Amino acid sequence: MLLQWVGMGDLVWHVPYFRRVAAASHGGQVALIASPTVFAPQLVGHEPWVREIIDFDRHPRRHEGRRGRHRGVLGLFRMGLELREKQFDRIVLFTNYTNRSLVALTARIAERLGYGTTWLQRRLLSHGPWIERYTGPAVGTYEDATRFAMAHGWCDAPIVPSLVVRPEALARVKARVQGLPQPMHALCIGSSEPYKQWGTDNFAALATELARAGHGVLLVAGPAEHEMAQAILQRVEPTLRARVLDATDGSVADTVAAMSLVRTCLGNDTGGVQIAAAVGTPTWVMLGPRPLLAHDPETLHNLTAASLADIKPGDVARIALTA
């Protein structure tokens, strides 16, 4: 089974359908082919449906400063040869990209299932049913995966994404946050693109409002956002800083665990907010004018506006404090 997309949130959106494909596969397990950037081992590697995880190293993160091993036409061919050695008899391609079908052909996998949203892709797959690509107002990644899973009978309705918390990560995070006041709120401060970033000043103002109310605050992101987290802390009133914790140095598994412990998650359109919703935590994402995230309307809420700057920290704080 191959995942086209390269973000953690993208994996989260696909997990419920991957589980269904696995249930219809030999031994109830599948090999998951995914970019290292989705952190599949930490997000789903402990789940029983995962037989193995195979890196599709095509788009490394920018800060790595390297070319992916499977980048370009030669990289796709290299990936196909690597898969050929494993002698798979079926591959399920969660993708609109035709070139992923070329990987499957190079791997000599007899049954090749995929979206078939283009004529050329259909020519390279073994059989349908095909789907029409989603063109509505929401982000289409989850919508296309849902249509594909339903077309092949792996489910008969959309499935809300969910994740399983690792017990050892939960114990580790509980110990780390035991000094923070309750309830706690997670602020997802990271962003893959500048246009998704709400900004240091806004997050600092939000953290201050929550801490002033006597609540705990976790600043959640990856190591690349450590400096931003420290800048946010410096903008929080000194008497309130003990209520705010920089959590940018934990693992992805730790992030999943942390999200299960907070009352709300508030943040940029990034993997953290998708993780929070997937563990059942009420989540608000500062989306601005961009396409809606519509896959979990009960848990994941869109804060929209003409621009991100129009979303004010005080308004977000009121939402969190009354949730």
Protein backbone atom coordinates (compact mmCIF):
# COMPACT_ATOMS: atom_id res chain seq x y z
CA MET A 1 0.00 0.00 0.00
CA LEU A 2 1.47 3.33 -1.06
CA LEU A 3 0.75 6.82 0.31
CA GLN A 4 1.34 9.65 -2.14
CA TRP A 5 1.49 12.57 0.28
CA VAL A 6 4.39 13.66 2.49
CA GLY A 7 2.87 15.23 5.64
CA MET A 8 1.93 13.68 8.98
CA GLY A 9 -1.59 14.98 8.62
CA ASP A 10 -1.86 13.25 5.25
CA LEU A 11 -1.06 9.93 6.88
CA VAL A 12 -3.57 10.57 9.67
CA TRP A 13 -6.31 11.14 7.10
CA HIS A 14 -5.56 7.80 5.40
CA VAL A 15 -5.15 5.58 8.47
CA PRO A 16 -8.80 4.44 8.76
CA TYR A 17 -8.78 3.27 5.14
CA PHE A 18 -5.39 1.61 5.47
CA ARG A 19 -6.82 -0.43 8.33
CA ARG A 20 -9.70 -1.55 6.12
CA VAL A 21 -7.38 -2.53 3.27
CA ALA A 22 -5.28 -4.52 5.72
CA ALA A 23 -8.37 -6.32 7.02
CA ALA A 24 -9.03 -7.48 3.45
CA SER A 25 -5.41 -8.60 2.92
CA HIS A 26 -3.48 -11.79 3.71
CA GLY A 27 -3.07 -12.18 7.45
CA GLY A 28 -4.80 -8.87 8.10
CA GLN A 29 -1.56 -6.98 7.49
CA VAL A 30 0.02 -4.80 4.81
CA ALA A 31 3.35 -3.21 4.03
CA LEU A 32 3.04 0.59 4.09
CA ILE A 33 5.11 2.53 1.57
CA ALA A 34 5.39 6.15 2.69
CA SER A 35 7.71 9.12 2.82
CA PRO A 36 9.96 9.28 5.91
CA THR A 37 8.51 12.78 6.47
CA VAL A 38 5.16 11.31 7.60
CA PHE A 39 6.84 9.51 10.56
CA ALA A 40 4.83 6.35 9.95
CA PRO A 41 6.83 4.20 12.44
CA GLN A 42 5.87 6.52 15.30
CA LEU A 43 2.29 7.19 14.22
CA VAL A 44 1.16 3.68 13.23
CA GLY A 45 4.15 1.33 13.46
CA HIS A 46 2.79 -0.21 16.68
CA GLU A 47 -0.61 -1.06 15.20
CA PRO A 48 -1.23 -4.75 14.37
CA TRP A 49 -2.18 -4.14 10.73
CA VAL A 50 1.32 -2.88 9.88
CA ARG A 51 3.61 -5.69 8.72
CA GLU A 52 6.45 -3.38 7.68
CA ILE A 53 7.07 0.23 6.69
CA ILE A 54 9.04 0.95 3.52
CA ASP A 55 10.55 4.40 3.00
CA PHE A 56 9.60 6.17 -0.23
CA ASP A 57 12.39 8.74 0.00
CA ARG A 58 11.25 11.19 -2.68
CA HIS A 59 10.74 14.56 -0.95
CA PRO A 60 13.02 15.10 2.08
CA ARG A 61 12.28 18.04 4.34
CA ARG A 62 13.90 21.29 3.19
CA HIS A 63 16.21 21.61 6.19
CA GLU A 64 17.82 18.24 5.36
CA GLY A 65 19.46 19.80 2.30
CA ARG A 66 19.67 16.57 0.32
CA ARG A 67 18.14 14.90 -2.70
CA GLY A 68 15.77 12.02 -1.99
CA ARG A 69 16.97 8.55 -2.98
CA HIS A 70 13.78 8.01 -4.99
CA ARG A 71 13.67 11.49 -6.55
CA GLY A 72 13.25 11.84 -10.32
CA VAL A 73 12.62 9.20 -12.96
CA LEU A 74 15.67 7.16 -11.98
CA GLY A 75 14.55 7.31 -8.35
CA LEU A 76 11.13 5.93 -9.26
CA PHE A 77 12.79 3.12 -11.19
CA ARG A 78 15.05 2.42 -8.18
CA MET A 79 12.00 2.23 -5.93
CA GLY A 80 10.34 -0.21 -8.30
CA LEU A 81 13.38 -2.49 -8.28
CA GLU A 82 13.47 -2.44 -4.49
CA LEU A 83 9.81 -3.44 -4.32
CA ARG A 84 10.34 -6.17 -6.94
CA GLU A 85 12.59 -8.02 -4.50
CA LYS A 86 9.68 -8.29 -2.04
CA GLN A 87 7.45 -10.08 -4.58
CA PHE A 88 4.20 -8.39 -3.68
CA ASP A 89 1.11 -9.74 -5.45
CA ARG A 90 -1.02 -6.59 -4.96
CA ILE A 91 -0.40 -2.88 -4.45
CA VAL A 92 -3.01 -0.32 -3.47
CA LEU A 93 -2.01 3.16 -4.61
CA PHE A 94 -3.65 5.98 -2.67
CA THR A 95 -2.65 8.53 -5.27
CA ASN A 96 -3.69 10.63 -8.25
CA TYR A 97 -0.11 10.54 -9.58
CA THR A 98 0.47 8.43 -12.67
CA ASN A 99 4.17 7.94 -11.94
CA ARG A 100 3.38 5.87 -8.83
CA SER A 101 1.81 3.34 -11.19
CA LEU A 102 5.14 3.20 -13.04
CA VAL A 103 6.75 2.17 -9.75
CA ALA A 104 4.23 -0.67 -9.48
CA LEU A 105 4.90 -1.78 -13.06
CA THR A 106 8.66 -1.77 -12.49
CA ALA A 107 8.06 -3.85 -9.35
CA ARG A 108 6.14 -6.39 -11.49
CA ILE A 109 3.16 -6.38 -9.17
CA ALA A 110 0.28 -8.10 -10.94
CA GLU A 111 -2.67 -6.39 -9.23
CA ARG A 112 -2.34 -2.61 -9.24
CA LEU A 113 -5.25 -0.65 -7.75
CA GLY A 114 -5.41 3.14 -7.78
CA TYR A 115 -7.67 6.14 -8.19
CA GLY A 116 -7.68 6.12 -11.99
CA THR A 117 -8.59 9.81 -12.15
CA THR A 118 -6.71 10.23 -15.45
CA TRP A 119 -6.75 8.22 -18.66
CA LEU A 120 -3.03 7.42 -18.45
CA GLN A 121 -3.22 6.26 -14.85
CA ARG A 122 -6.07 3.90 -15.74
CA ARG A 123 -3.93 2.43 -18.53
CA LEU A 124 -1.19 1.55 -16.01
CA LEU A 125 -3.48 0.02 -13.37
CA SER A 126 -4.72 -3.54 -13.61
CA HIS A 127 -8.45 -2.80 -13.20
CA GLY A 128 -11.04 -0.48 -11.67
CA PRO A 129 -13.29 0.69 -10.26
CA TRP A 130 -12.06 4.24 -10.83
CA ILE A 131 -13.08 7.44 -9.06
CA GLU A 132 -13.64 11.04 -10.08
CA ARG A 133 -11.27 13.49 -8.43
CA TYR A 134 -12.88 15.62 -5.72
CA THR A 135 -13.37 19.28 -6.72
CA GLY A 136 -15.43 20.64 -3.81
CA PRO A 137 -14.66 23.34 -1.21
CA ALA A 138 -12.76 21.12 1.25
CA VAL A 139 -9.20 19.77 1.13
CA GLY A 140 -9.40 16.95 -1.40
CA THR A 141 -6.85 14.47 -0.02
CA TYR A 142 -9.19 12.82 2.47
CA GLU A 143 -12.14 13.08 0.09
CA ASP A 144 -10.32 11.19 -2.69
CA ALA A 145 -9.14 8.48 -0.27
CA THR A 146 -12.72 8.07 0.96
CA ARG A 147 -14.15 7.75 -2.55
CA PHE A 148 -11.49 5.19 -3.45
CA ALA A 149 -12.09 3.08 -0.34
CA MET A 150 -15.84 3.12 -0.88
CA ALA A 151 -15.53 2.28 -4.57
CA HIS A 152 -13.58 -0.88 -3.71
CA GLY A 153 -15.90 -1.91 -0.89
CA TRP A 154 -13.44 -1.45 1.97
CA CYS A 155 -16.04 0.75 3.64
CA ASP A 156 -19.53 2.00 2.84
CA ALA A 157 -19.24 5.49 4.35
CA PRO A 158 -16.53 8.00 5.29
CA ILE A 159 -14.52 7.04 8.38
CA VAL A 160 -13.26 9.68 10.79
CA PRO A 161 -9.48 9.35 11.31
CA SER A 162 -8.23 7.93 14.59
CA LEU A 163 -4.86 7.09 16.13
CA VAL A 164 -3.77 4.69 18.87
CA VAL A 165 -1.64 6.21 21.64
CA ARG A 166 1.52 4.30 22.56
CA PRO A 167 1.34 3.38 26.29
CA GLU A 168 5.04 4.06 26.89
CA ALA A 169 4.75 7.50 25.29
CA LEU A 170 1.69 8.29 27.40
CA ALA A 171 3.56 7.41 30.59
CA ARG A 172 6.55 9.51 29.51
CA VAL A 173 4.44 12.59 28.71
CA LYS A 174 2.34 12.31 31.88
CA ALA A 175 5.52 12.45 33.93
CA ARG A 176 6.77 15.45 32.01
CA VAL A 177 3.62 17.59 32.34
CA GLN A 178 2.75 16.74 35.93
CA GLY A 179 3.90 20.17 37.11
CA LEU A 180 1.58 22.09 34.79
CA PRO A 181 -1.81 23.32 35.98
CA GLN A 182 -4.93 21.61 34.71
CA PRO A 183 -6.65 21.78 32.35
CA MET A 184 -3.99 21.99 29.65
CA HIS A 185 -4.14 23.28 26.10
CA ALA A 186 -1.84 22.42 23.19
CA LEU A 187 -0.73 25.18 20.83
CA CYS A 188 0.50 23.74 17.53
CA ILE A 189 2.98 26.40 16.49
CA GLY A 190 4.69 24.66 13.56
CA SER A 191 3.86 25.09 9.88
CA SER A 192 5.18 23.54 6.70
CA GLU A 193 4.72 26.78 4.74
CA PRO A 194 4.99 30.45 5.79
CA TYR A 195 1.45 31.22 4.60
CA LYS A 196 0.08 28.76 7.20
CA GLN A 197 1.89 30.45 10.10
CA TRP A 198 -0.28 32.43 12.56
CA GLY A 199 2.81 33.98 14.10
CA THR A 200 4.90 34.21 17.26
CA ASP A 201 3.12 37.28 18.62
CA ASN A 202 -0.32 35.73 18.24
CA PHE A 203 0.70 32.48 19.92
CA ALA A 204 2.40 34.40 22.73
CA ALA A 205 -0.75 36.44 23.34
CA LEU A 206 -2.87 33.27 23.30
CA ALA A 207 -0.53 31.45 25.68
CA THR A 208 -0.62 34.44 28.03
CA GLU A 209 -4.44 34.51 28.08
CA LEU A 210 -4.66 30.80 28.85
CA ALA A 211 -1.95 30.92 31.52
CA ARG A 212 -3.52 33.99 33.10
CA ALA A 213 -6.73 31.95 33.46
CA GLY A 214 -4.75 29.37 35.46
CA HIS A 215 -4.52 26.78 32.70
CA GLY A 216 -1.49 24.88 31.46
CA VAL A 217 -0.10 25.39 27.95
CA LEU A 218 2.00 23.05 25.79
CA LEU A 219 3.87 24.54 22.84
CA VAL A 220 3.84 21.62 20.40
CA ALA A 221 5.98 21.33 17.26
CA GLY A 222 9.19 19.73 16.05
CA PRO A 223 12.80 20.68 16.82
CA ALA A 224 12.80 23.18 13.95
CA GLU A 225 10.37 25.33 15.96
CA HIS A 226 12.40 25.32 19.19
CA GLU A 227 13.55 28.92 18.71
CA MET A 228 10.00 30.03 18.03
CA ALA A 229 8.79 28.28 21.19
CA GLN A 230 11.48 30.06 23.20
CA ALA A 231 10.51 33.39 21.67
CA ILE A 232 6.89 32.75 22.66
CA LEU A 233 7.95 31.96 26.21
CA GLN A 234 9.94 35.19 26.43
CA ARG A 235 6.83 37.16 25.44
CA VAL A 236 4.75 35.54 28.21
CA GLU A 237 4.68 37.48 31.49
CA PRO A 238 7.48 36.16 33.75
CA THR A 239 5.05 35.28 36.55
CA LEU A 240 3.08 33.05 34.16
CA ARG A 241 5.92 31.21 32.38
CA ALA A 242 5.84 28.22 34.73
CA ARG A 243 2.43 27.41 33.27
CA VAL A 244 3.80 27.16 29.72
CA LEU A 245 5.98 24.26 28.54
CA ASP A 246 8.15 24.08 25.43
CA ALA A 247 7.34 20.61 24.05
CA THR A 248 9.25 20.89 20.77
CA ASP A 249 11.87 18.30 21.74
CA GLY A 250 9.63 15.22 22.03
CA SER A 251 9.08 12.45 19.55
CA VAL A 252 6.05 12.23 17.27
CA ALA A 253 4.76 9.43 19.49
CA ASP A 254 5.05 11.86 22.42
CA THR A 255 2.99 14.39 20.48
CA VAL A 256 0.22 11.84 19.97
CA ALA A 257 0.25 11.10 23.70
CA ALA A 258 0.31 14.78 24.67
CA MET A 259 -2.66 15.54 22.47
CA SER A 260 -4.68 12.91 24.30
CA LEU A 261 -4.06 14.70 27.63
CA VAL A 262 -5.11 18.26 26.77
CA ARG A 263 -8.54 19.84 26.89
CA THR A 264 -8.16 21.58 23.54
CA CYS A 265 -5.70 21.90 20.68
CA LEU A 266 -5.31 25.25 18.92
CA GLY A 267 -2.94 25.76 16.07
CA ASN A 268 -1.77 26.23 12.55
CA ASP A 269 -2.81 23.93 9.73
CA THR A 270 -0.13 21.36 10.52
CA GLY A 271 0.18 17.70 11.44
CA GLY A 272 -0.28 18.37 15.13
CA VAL A 273 -3.89 19.52 14.80
CA GLN A 274 -4.73 16.44 12.73
CA ILE A 275 -3.15 14.23 15.40
CA ALA A 276 -5.11 16.00 18.16
CA ALA A 277 -8.44 15.48 16.43
CA ALA A 278 -7.54 11.86 15.71
CA VAL A 279 -7.18 11.14 19.44
CA GLY A 280 -10.53 12.80 20.14
CA THR A 281 -9.36 16.18 21.45
CA PRO A 282 -11.51 19.21 20.48
CA THR A 283 -9.35 21.08 18.01
CA TRP A 284 -9.45 24.51 16.36
CA VAL A 285 -7.20 25.26 13.40
CA MET A 286 -6.32 28.80 12.33
CA LEU A 287 -7.10 28.30 8.66
CA GLY A 288 -7.73 31.79 7.34
CA PRO A 289 -9.04 31.90 3.75
CA ARG A 290 -7.92 28.43 2.69
CA PRO A 291 -9.95 25.29 1.77
CA LEU A 292 -11.81 23.70 4.65
CA LEU A 293 -10.77 20.65 6.63
CA ALA A 294 -14.07 18.78 6.56
CA HIS A 295 -13.14 15.21 7.51
CA ASP A 296 -14.04 15.43 11.23
CA PRO A 297 -16.64 18.16 11.80
CA GLU A 298 -17.42 17.00 15.35
CA THR A 299 -13.85 17.40 16.61
CA LEU A 300 -11.85 19.53 14.16
CA HIS A 301 -13.12 23.08 13.75
CA ASN A 302 -12.02 25.60 11.13
CA LEU A 303 -11.32 29.20 12.13
CA THR A 304 -11.71 31.03 8.85
CA ALA A 305 -11.24 34.69 7.95
CA ALA A 306 -10.21 36.89 5.05
CA SER A 307 -6.63 36.47 6.30
CA LEU A 308 -4.82 34.77 9.16
CA ALA A 309 -4.17 38.21 10.65
CA ASP A 310 -7.93 38.63 11.13
CA ILE A 311 -8.01 35.74 13.62
CA LYS A 312 -7.40 37.35 17.00
CA PRO A 313 -5.77 35.68 20.04
CA GLY A 314 -8.48 36.91 22.40
CA ASP A 315 -11.20 35.28 20.33
CA VAL A 316 -9.30 31.99 20.21
CA ALA A 317 -8.67 32.12 23.96
CA ARG A 318 -12.39 32.55 24.64
CA ILE A 319 -13.14 29.48 22.56
CA ALA A 320 -10.60 27.39 24.48
CA LEU A 321 -11.64 28.62 27.92
CA THR A 322 -15.30 27.82 27.30
CA ALA A 323 -14.75 24.48 25.53
